N, C-alpha and C. Protein backbone atom coordinates (compact mmCIF):
# COMPACT_ATOMS: atom_id res chain seq x y z
N MET A 1 42.68 44.89 146.00
CA MET A 1 44.14 44.72 146.40
C MET A 1 44.58 45.95 147.02
N ARG A 2 45.01 45.77 148.16
CA ARG A 2 45.66 46.82 149.12
C ARG A 2 46.85 47.46 148.43
N LYS A 3 46.88 48.91 148.55
CA LYS A 3 47.89 49.67 147.96
C LYS A 3 49.22 49.44 148.78
N LEU A 4 50.29 49.05 148.14
CA LEU A 4 51.67 48.74 148.80
C LEU A 4 52.25 50.08 149.07
N GLU A 5 53.05 50.30 150.16
CA GLU A 5 53.74 51.36 150.31
C GLU A 5 55.02 50.90 150.81
N ILE A 6 56.25 51.82 150.23
CA ILE A 6 57.51 51.41 150.68
C ILE A 6 58.00 52.45 151.89
N ALA A 7 58.44 51.87 152.87
CA ALA A 7 58.93 52.71 153.86
C ALA A 7 60.06 53.54 153.55
N ASP A 8 60.15 54.94 153.95
CA ASP A 8 61.15 55.69 153.60
C ASP A 8 61.32 55.96 152.24
N ALA A 9 60.12 56.27 151.44
CA ALA A 9 60.06 56.33 150.02
C ALA A 9 60.87 57.22 149.33
N GLU A 10 61.00 58.48 149.91
CA GLU A 10 61.80 59.59 149.39
C GLU A 10 63.40 58.99 149.34
N ILE A 11 63.75 58.48 150.52
CA ILE A 11 65.24 57.80 150.67
C ILE A 11 65.43 56.68 149.60
N MET A 12 64.41 55.89 149.47
CA MET A 12 64.39 54.76 148.44
C MET A 12 64.49 55.16 147.06
N GLN A 13 63.81 56.21 146.84
CA GLN A 13 63.73 56.77 145.31
C GLN A 13 65.25 57.22 145.08
N LEU A 14 65.84 57.96 146.08
CA LEU A 14 67.21 58.46 145.82
C LEU A 14 68.21 57.43 145.74
N ALA A 15 68.11 56.34 146.42
CA ALA A 15 68.82 55.05 146.44
C ALA A 15 68.81 54.45 145.08
N ILE A 16 67.55 54.53 144.64
CA ILE A 16 67.25 53.68 143.38
C ILE A 16 67.97 54.60 142.21
N ARG A 17 67.80 55.83 142.21
CA ARG A 17 68.36 56.61 140.96
C ARG A 17 69.91 56.59 141.21
N GLN A 18 70.41 56.44 142.48
CA GLN A 18 72.04 56.40 142.33
C GLN A 18 72.38 55.06 141.91
N GLU A 19 71.47 53.94 142.19
CA GLU A 19 71.81 52.49 141.62
C GLU A 19 71.78 52.69 140.05
N ILE A 20 70.83 53.30 139.34
CA ILE A 20 70.58 53.40 138.12
C ILE A 20 71.69 54.06 137.33
N GLU A 21 72.22 55.10 137.98
CA GLU A 21 73.43 55.86 137.58
C GLU A 21 74.74 55.12 137.74
N ARG A 22 74.78 54.16 138.61
CA ARG A 22 75.89 53.60 139.13
C ARG A 22 76.61 52.58 138.02
N SER A 23 75.87 52.08 137.07
CA SER A 23 76.48 51.10 136.06
C SER A 23 75.84 51.47 134.77
N GLU A 24 76.58 51.08 133.61
CA GLU A 24 76.35 51.29 132.20
C GLU A 24 75.05 50.51 132.02
N GLU A 25 75.13 49.23 132.36
CA GLU A 25 73.85 48.47 132.15
C GLU A 25 72.76 48.76 132.74
N SER A 26 72.71 49.28 134.04
CA SER A 26 71.33 49.96 134.60
C SER A 26 70.86 51.18 133.86
N ARG A 27 71.79 52.00 133.38
CA ARG A 27 71.45 53.10 132.70
C ARG A 27 70.72 52.75 131.36
N TYR A 28 71.25 51.66 130.64
CA TYR A 28 70.77 51.00 129.64
C TYR A 28 69.42 50.65 129.71
N ASP A 29 68.99 49.88 130.97
CA ASP A 29 67.86 49.30 131.13
C ASP A 29 66.63 50.48 131.45
N HIS A 30 67.17 51.51 132.13
CA HIS A 30 66.41 52.62 132.47
C HIS A 30 66.01 53.42 131.17
N ARG A 31 66.70 53.52 130.12
CA ARG A 31 66.39 54.04 128.82
C ARG A 31 65.32 53.15 128.13
N MET A 32 65.70 51.77 128.27
CA MET A 32 64.74 50.87 127.52
C MET A 32 63.47 50.95 128.07
N HIS A 33 63.31 51.13 129.50
CA HIS A 33 61.93 51.24 129.98
C HIS A 33 61.33 52.42 129.65
N GLY A 34 61.93 53.53 129.49
CA GLY A 34 61.54 54.73 128.88
C GLY A 34 60.84 54.54 127.60
N VAL A 35 61.62 54.00 126.67
CA VAL A 35 61.24 53.71 125.35
C VAL A 35 60.07 52.68 125.24
N LEU A 36 60.01 51.83 126.11
CA LEU A 36 58.89 50.70 126.18
C LEU A 36 57.52 51.53 126.52
N LEU A 37 57.65 52.41 127.50
CA LEU A 37 56.54 53.14 127.87
C LEU A 37 55.97 54.07 126.73
N VAL A 38 56.97 54.75 126.05
CA VAL A 38 56.53 55.48 125.08
C VAL A 38 55.77 54.62 123.87
N SER A 39 56.45 53.44 123.70
CA SER A 39 55.74 52.46 122.50
C SER A 39 54.46 52.01 123.04
N CYS A 40 54.17 52.17 124.33
CA CYS A 40 52.83 51.69 124.92
C CYS A 40 51.74 52.79 124.86
N GLY A 41 52.10 54.00 124.32
CA GLY A 41 51.27 55.00 124.40
C GLY A 41 51.42 56.19 125.09
N TYR A 42 52.27 56.26 126.16
CA TYR A 42 52.66 57.43 126.95
C TYR A 42 53.38 58.41 126.28
N SER A 43 53.02 59.63 126.61
CA SER A 43 53.85 60.80 126.08
C SER A 43 55.28 60.85 126.59
N CYS A 44 56.03 61.56 126.04
CA CYS A 44 57.49 61.80 126.55
C CYS A 44 57.56 62.54 127.88
N THR A 45 56.46 63.35 127.85
CA THR A 45 56.27 64.25 129.16
C THR A 45 55.90 63.32 130.21
N GLU A 46 54.94 62.41 129.96
CA GLU A 46 54.54 61.48 130.99
C GLU A 46 55.61 60.60 131.41
N VAL A 47 56.22 59.94 130.50
CA VAL A 47 57.40 59.07 130.82
C VAL A 47 58.46 59.64 131.52
N GLY A 48 58.69 61.11 131.33
CA GLY A 48 59.82 61.72 131.91
C GLY A 48 59.25 62.07 133.43
N GLN A 49 58.08 62.23 133.68
CA GLN A 49 57.64 62.41 135.11
C GLN A 49 57.85 61.21 135.84
N LEU A 50 57.34 60.13 135.13
CA LEU A 50 57.49 58.71 135.89
C LEU A 50 59.03 58.27 136.30
N LEU A 51 59.72 58.61 135.31
CA LEU A 51 61.12 58.18 135.64
C LEU A 51 62.03 59.38 136.04
N ASP A 52 61.56 60.46 136.32
CA ASP A 52 62.35 61.56 136.89
C ASP A 52 63.37 62.08 135.84
N GLN A 53 62.93 62.23 134.48
CA GLN A 53 63.80 62.55 133.54
C GLN A 53 63.20 63.77 132.73
N ALA A 54 63.84 64.64 132.20
CA ALA A 54 63.17 65.69 131.34
C ALA A 54 62.63 65.24 130.11
N ALA A 55 61.50 65.63 129.55
CA ALA A 55 60.76 65.07 128.46
C ALA A 55 61.69 65.08 127.30
N THR A 56 62.40 66.08 127.21
CA THR A 56 63.59 66.19 126.14
C THR A 56 64.52 64.91 126.10
N THR A 57 64.91 64.50 127.20
CA THR A 57 65.79 63.43 127.44
C THR A 57 65.17 62.19 126.87
N VAL A 58 63.85 61.82 127.24
CA VAL A 58 63.11 60.77 126.83
C VAL A 58 62.87 60.83 125.38
N GLN A 59 62.74 62.09 124.73
CA GLN A 59 62.62 62.18 123.31
C GLN A 59 63.98 61.91 122.54
N ARG A 60 65.03 62.14 123.34
CA ARG A 60 66.43 61.74 122.62
C ARG A 60 66.53 60.29 122.85
N TRP A 61 66.17 59.56 123.91
CA TRP A 61 66.29 58.15 123.97
C TRP A 61 65.33 57.46 122.72
N VAL A 62 64.17 58.03 122.52
CA VAL A 62 63.44 57.46 121.44
C VAL A 62 64.07 57.59 120.07
N GLY A 63 64.56 58.83 119.94
CA GLY A 63 65.37 59.10 118.60
C GLY A 63 66.52 58.09 118.44
N ARG A 64 67.29 58.04 119.54
CA ARG A 64 68.51 57.11 119.46
C ARG A 64 67.97 55.64 119.14
N PHE A 65 66.84 55.21 119.67
CA PHE A 65 66.36 53.83 119.63
C PHE A 65 65.92 53.56 118.20
N GLU A 66 65.42 54.67 117.62
CA GLU A 66 64.78 54.69 116.18
C GLU A 66 65.97 54.54 115.30
N ARG A 67 66.96 55.38 115.47
CA ARG A 67 68.29 55.22 114.56
C ARG A 67 68.94 54.23 114.71
N GLY A 68 69.17 53.73 115.94
CA GLY A 68 70.22 52.57 116.27
C GLY A 68 69.66 51.49 116.84
N GLY A 69 68.41 51.26 117.01
CA GLY A 69 67.97 50.10 117.76
C GLY A 69 68.31 50.05 119.34
N PHE A 70 68.42 48.86 119.57
CA PHE A 70 68.98 48.60 121.18
C PHE A 70 70.25 49.21 121.38
N ASP A 71 71.25 48.99 120.38
CA ASP A 71 72.61 49.48 120.61
C ASP A 71 72.51 51.17 120.73
N GLY A 72 71.58 51.73 120.15
CA GLY A 72 71.38 53.22 120.09
C GLY A 72 71.18 53.76 121.68
N LEU A 73 70.56 52.78 122.56
CA LEU A 73 70.35 53.17 123.98
C LEU A 73 71.46 52.92 124.79
N ARG A 74 72.67 52.22 124.30
CA ARG A 74 73.68 52.11 125.04
C ARG A 74 74.59 53.36 125.34
N ASP A 75 75.49 53.47 126.33
CA ASP A 75 76.29 54.55 126.54
C ASP A 75 77.26 54.44 125.42
N GLY A 76 77.66 55.88 124.84
CA GLY A 76 78.62 56.03 123.73
C GLY A 76 79.93 56.39 124.57
N ASP A 77 81.07 56.28 123.78
CA ASP A 77 82.33 56.72 124.18
C ASP A 77 82.30 58.27 124.67
N ARG A 78 82.73 58.47 125.99
CA ARG A 78 82.81 59.78 126.43
C ARG A 78 84.26 60.25 126.54
N THR A 79 84.47 61.12 125.51
CA THR A 79 86.06 61.51 125.35
C THR A 79 86.41 62.53 126.39
N GLY A 80 85.38 63.29 126.87
CA GLY A 80 85.89 64.31 127.75
C GLY A 80 86.26 65.54 127.20
N ARG A 81 86.83 66.52 127.99
CA ARG A 81 87.26 67.76 127.48
C ARG A 81 88.63 67.55 126.95
N PRO A 82 89.01 68.08 125.70
CA PRO A 82 90.18 67.95 125.13
C PRO A 82 91.34 68.67 125.94
N ARG A 83 92.51 68.21 125.72
CA ARG A 83 93.58 68.75 126.73
C ARG A 83 93.79 70.29 126.13
N ALA A 84 94.11 70.85 127.23
CA ALA A 84 94.48 72.39 126.82
C ALA A 84 95.80 72.69 126.15
N LEU A 85 96.72 71.50 126.34
CA LEU A 85 98.08 71.74 125.60
C LEU A 85 98.08 70.71 124.57
N ASP A 86 98.44 70.76 123.27
CA ASP A 86 98.72 69.84 122.32
C ASP A 86 100.07 69.08 122.73
N GLU A 87 100.22 68.02 121.85
CA GLU A 87 101.34 67.14 122.15
C GLU A 87 102.75 67.89 122.24
N SER A 88 102.94 68.77 121.29
CA SER A 88 104.18 69.45 121.15
C SER A 88 104.39 70.38 122.16
N GLN A 89 103.26 71.10 122.70
CA GLN A 89 103.08 71.94 123.98
C GLN A 89 103.57 71.27 125.07
N TRP A 90 103.10 70.06 125.31
CA TRP A 90 103.08 69.19 126.34
C TRP A 90 104.61 68.84 126.69
N ARG A 91 105.19 68.42 125.38
CA ARG A 91 106.65 68.13 125.58
C ARG A 91 107.61 69.34 126.06
N ARG A 92 107.15 70.64 125.45
CA ARG A 92 107.81 71.75 125.69
C ARG A 92 107.78 72.25 127.13
N VAL A 93 106.41 72.07 127.75
CA VAL A 93 106.34 72.24 129.23
C VAL A 93 106.95 71.28 130.07
N GLU A 94 107.26 70.16 129.55
CA GLU A 94 107.94 69.00 130.33
C GLU A 94 109.38 69.41 130.39
N ALA A 95 109.94 69.99 129.27
CA ALA A 95 111.22 70.43 129.17
C ALA A 95 111.32 71.65 130.22
N ASP A 96 110.48 72.53 130.08
CA ASP A 96 110.52 73.75 130.81
C ASP A 96 110.60 73.35 132.43
N LEU A 97 109.69 72.37 132.73
CA LEU A 97 109.70 71.90 134.18
C LEU A 97 111.09 71.35 134.71
N ARG A 98 111.84 71.00 133.60
CA ARG A 98 113.32 70.52 134.12
C ARG A 98 114.15 71.54 134.38
N ARG A 99 114.01 72.73 133.93
CA ARG A 99 114.75 73.89 134.17
C ARG A 99 114.28 74.81 135.42
N THR A 100 114.76 75.59 135.89
CA THR A 100 114.42 76.38 137.15
C THR A 100 113.53 77.45 136.66
N PRO A 101 112.58 77.89 137.46
CA PRO A 101 111.63 79.05 137.10
C PRO A 101 112.46 80.47 136.91
N ARG A 102 113.71 80.31 137.60
CA ARG A 102 114.53 81.69 137.36
C ARG A 102 114.89 81.89 135.99
N GLU A 103 115.05 80.61 135.27
CA GLU A 103 115.61 80.78 133.84
C GLU A 103 114.50 81.47 132.96
N PHE A 104 113.23 81.44 133.49
CA PHE A 104 112.27 82.05 132.73
C PHE A 104 111.84 83.58 133.38
N GLY A 105 112.60 84.00 134.19
CA GLY A 105 112.32 85.34 134.72
C GLY A 105 111.61 85.39 136.03
N PHE A 106 111.30 84.22 136.56
CA PHE A 106 110.66 84.17 137.84
C PHE A 106 111.53 84.24 139.04
N GLU A 107 111.13 84.63 140.21
CA GLU A 107 112.04 84.80 141.39
C GLU A 107 112.08 83.55 142.14
N ALA A 108 111.03 82.75 141.98
CA ALA A 108 111.04 81.39 142.86
C ALA A 108 111.94 80.52 142.17
N GLY A 109 112.37 79.63 143.14
CA GLY A 109 113.44 78.64 142.77
C GLY A 109 112.92 77.35 142.49
N LEU A 110 111.67 77.04 142.80
CA LEU A 110 110.84 75.82 142.65
C LEU A 110 109.66 75.91 142.01
N TRP A 111 109.19 75.06 141.18
CA TRP A 111 107.77 75.19 140.32
C TRP A 111 106.74 74.83 141.29
N ASP A 112 105.76 75.52 141.33
CA ASP A 112 104.38 75.07 141.95
C ASP A 112 103.26 75.48 141.09
N GLY A 113 102.07 75.15 141.47
CA GLY A 113 100.78 75.25 140.82
C GLY A 113 100.62 76.82 140.18
N PRO A 114 100.65 77.72 141.17
CA PRO A 114 100.35 79.14 140.76
C PRO A 114 101.49 79.66 139.71
N LEU A 115 102.81 79.15 140.02
CA LEU A 115 103.78 79.61 139.15
C LEU A 115 103.61 79.02 137.77
N LEU A 116 103.40 77.68 137.56
CA LEU A 116 103.15 77.19 136.38
C LEU A 116 102.03 77.63 135.64
N SER A 117 100.93 78.12 136.43
CA SER A 117 99.79 78.69 135.86
C SER A 117 100.11 80.12 135.11
N GLU A 118 100.93 80.78 135.70
CA GLU A 118 101.50 82.04 135.20
C GLU A 118 102.45 81.65 134.12
N HIS A 119 103.30 80.89 134.10
CA HIS A 119 104.08 80.48 132.96
C HIS A 119 103.31 79.93 131.68
N LEU A 120 102.26 79.31 131.91
CA LEU A 120 101.39 78.70 130.91
C LEU A 120 100.72 79.77 130.05
N HIS A 121 100.16 80.72 130.82
CA HIS A 121 99.52 81.97 130.51
C HIS A 121 100.52 82.87 129.62
N LYS A 122 101.60 83.04 130.23
CA LYS A 122 102.62 83.91 129.70
C LYS A 122 103.32 83.37 128.41
N ASN A 123 103.67 82.22 128.35
CA ASN A 123 104.46 81.65 127.28
C ASN A 123 103.62 80.87 126.43
N TYR A 124 102.32 80.35 126.58
CA TYR A 124 101.55 79.39 125.94
C TYR A 124 100.24 79.87 125.51
N GLY A 125 99.93 80.93 126.24
CA GLY A 125 98.50 81.46 125.94
C GLY A 125 97.38 80.68 126.64
N VAL A 126 97.73 79.72 127.48
CA VAL A 126 96.82 78.77 128.14
C VAL A 126 96.53 79.09 129.48
N ARG A 127 95.28 79.18 129.74
CA ARG A 127 94.93 79.58 131.23
C ARG A 127 94.29 78.35 131.92
N LEU A 128 95.09 77.85 132.95
CA LEU A 128 94.75 76.73 133.86
C LEU A 128 94.89 77.13 135.26
N GLY A 129 94.09 76.81 136.08
CA GLY A 129 94.07 77.19 137.40
C GLY A 129 95.17 76.49 138.16
N ALA A 130 95.67 76.92 139.43
CA ALA A 130 96.76 76.48 140.21
C ALA A 130 96.63 75.03 140.43
N ARG A 131 95.36 74.60 140.93
CA ARG A 131 95.25 73.17 141.19
C ARG A 131 95.49 72.33 140.09
N GLN A 132 94.81 72.71 138.90
CA GLN A 132 95.01 72.03 137.53
C GLN A 132 96.58 71.71 137.30
N CYS A 133 97.18 72.94 137.53
CA CYS A 133 98.68 72.81 137.19
C CYS A 133 99.36 71.90 138.07
N GLN A 134 98.93 71.84 139.41
CA GLN A 134 99.59 70.94 140.30
C GLN A 134 99.30 69.58 139.69
N ARG A 135 98.23 69.15 139.34
CA ARG A 135 97.85 67.86 138.62
C ARG A 135 98.81 67.57 137.47
N LEU A 136 98.85 68.76 136.68
CA LEU A 136 99.63 68.52 135.30
C LEU A 136 101.08 68.18 135.82
N ILE A 137 101.64 68.87 136.78
CA ILE A 137 103.12 68.55 137.38
C ILE A 137 103.19 67.05 137.67
N GLY A 138 102.29 66.52 138.26
CA GLY A 138 102.24 65.16 138.66
C GLY A 138 102.06 64.18 137.50
N GLN A 139 101.17 64.56 136.50
CA GLN A 139 100.92 63.79 135.29
C GLN A 139 102.14 63.68 134.45
N MET A 140 103.12 64.66 134.63
CA MET A 140 104.40 64.79 133.90
C MET A 140 105.51 63.99 134.66
N GLY A 141 105.05 63.46 135.66
CA GLY A 141 106.16 62.70 136.48
C GLY A 141 107.07 63.62 137.47
N PHE A 142 106.61 64.61 137.70
CA PHE A 142 107.31 65.46 138.64
C PHE A 142 106.53 65.47 140.02
N ARG A 143 107.10 65.95 140.99
CA ARG A 143 106.58 66.00 142.21
C ARG A 143 106.85 67.53 142.89
N LEU A 144 105.81 67.90 143.56
CA LEU A 144 105.95 69.12 144.19
C LEU A 144 106.76 69.23 145.39
N ARG A 145 107.73 70.09 145.68
CA ARG A 145 108.44 69.98 146.80
C ARG A 145 108.36 71.38 147.40
N LYS A 146 108.47 71.49 148.68
CA LYS A 146 108.65 72.60 149.48
C LYS A 146 109.98 73.19 149.76
N PRO A 147 110.24 74.40 149.45
CA PRO A 147 111.65 74.75 149.74
C PRO A 147 111.97 74.72 151.31
N CYS A 148 113.21 74.59 151.45
CA CYS A 148 113.75 74.56 152.88
C CYS A 148 113.63 76.10 153.22
N PRO A 149 113.27 76.55 154.37
CA PRO A 149 113.18 77.83 154.74
C PRO A 149 114.52 78.21 155.09
N GLN A 150 114.91 79.51 154.90
CA GLN A 150 116.28 80.01 155.13
C GLN A 150 116.13 81.14 155.87
N VAL A 151 116.72 81.53 157.17
CA VAL A 151 116.68 82.67 157.77
C VAL A 151 117.12 83.77 156.93
N ALA A 152 116.32 84.98 156.87
CA ALA A 152 116.55 85.97 156.04
C ALA A 152 118.20 86.70 156.44
N GLN A 153 118.80 87.01 155.44
CA GLN A 153 120.26 87.57 155.37
C GLN A 153 121.10 86.57 156.24
N SER A 154 120.88 85.41 156.27
CA SER A 154 121.94 84.53 156.87
C SER A 154 123.02 84.18 156.02
N ASP A 155 124.13 84.02 156.36
CA ASP A 155 125.37 83.64 155.56
C ASP A 155 125.26 82.23 155.33
N PRO A 156 125.15 81.74 154.08
CA PRO A 156 125.14 80.23 153.79
C PRO A 156 126.37 79.45 154.24
N ALA A 157 127.54 80.18 154.26
CA ALA A 157 128.63 79.40 154.56
C ALA A 157 128.78 79.19 156.15
N ARG A 158 128.27 80.31 156.88
CA ARG A 158 128.17 80.07 158.45
C ARG A 158 127.21 79.11 158.75
N VAL A 159 125.97 79.12 158.15
CA VAL A 159 125.02 77.99 158.36
C VAL A 159 125.53 76.79 158.28
N ALA A 160 126.35 76.44 157.15
CA ALA A 160 126.92 75.17 156.75
C ALA A 160 127.87 74.72 157.99
N ALA A 161 128.65 75.82 158.36
CA ALA A 161 129.69 75.64 159.47
C ALA A 161 128.86 75.16 160.80
N VAL A 162 127.86 75.86 161.10
CA VAL A 162 127.08 75.54 162.32
C VAL A 162 126.49 74.19 162.26
N LYS A 163 125.96 73.63 160.93
CA LYS A 163 125.36 72.30 160.89
C LYS A 163 126.52 71.29 160.94
N THR A 164 127.67 71.54 160.36
CA THR A 164 128.80 70.60 160.59
C THR A 164 129.16 70.50 161.90
N ALA A 165 129.26 71.63 162.69
CA ALA A 165 129.79 71.56 164.10
C ALA A 165 128.68 70.86 165.03
N ALA A 166 127.28 70.90 164.82
CA ALA A 166 126.43 70.39 165.43
C ALA A 166 126.44 68.74 165.21
N ARG A 167 126.75 68.37 163.97
CA ARG A 167 127.06 66.85 163.62
C ARG A 167 128.07 66.28 164.36
N GLY A 168 129.13 67.09 164.49
CA GLY A 168 130.38 66.65 165.01
C GLY A 168 130.18 66.38 166.65
N LYS A 169 129.29 67.29 167.31
CA LYS A 169 128.96 67.16 168.65
C LYS A 169 128.11 65.73 168.91
N ALA A 170 127.31 65.63 167.91
CA ALA A 170 126.21 64.51 167.95
C ALA A 170 126.94 63.12 167.90
N ARG A 171 128.04 63.16 167.16
CA ARG A 171 128.81 62.05 166.91
C ARG A 171 129.66 61.70 168.18
N ARG A 172 130.15 62.68 169.04
CA ARG A 172 131.04 62.50 170.03
C ARG A 172 130.27 62.01 171.30
N ARG A 173 129.00 62.00 171.22
CA ARG A 173 128.15 61.56 172.46
C ARG A 173 128.12 60.22 172.48
């Protein structure tokens, strides 16, 4: 029998690996094939080379299968990294965001990522990056706003008077 070849084999291997990672069921099938090969007499190193996995990963699959059967090969719950703030701190930070940064000794009038990062470090001992703090602001139901620029040393009363005069001219036209 003639040896079959797949056109663009490297690209197809990459595509197949991505497809395996795409769904929980295909990852389960991949693990099952690995355990099947070990049960047929292949070593974990050989199976790892065939399936592009580390030998220790294949060993882990076999161990999971021996302990839990087929269910042991299924994906478990992935809880992810725990929150940096506990529930009471979360509520306190939420209350802090309802106040102005000036009330906490900052010069800025509006909260932003870098400012919240500094506030969390100073008052809660929690270090989060500016971008994560921006996400945190959104998760708490707030939104970031840009301050309206004001000309240095301008008199707010005169600025308001000019705006009022400009509106009056626009209406007369």
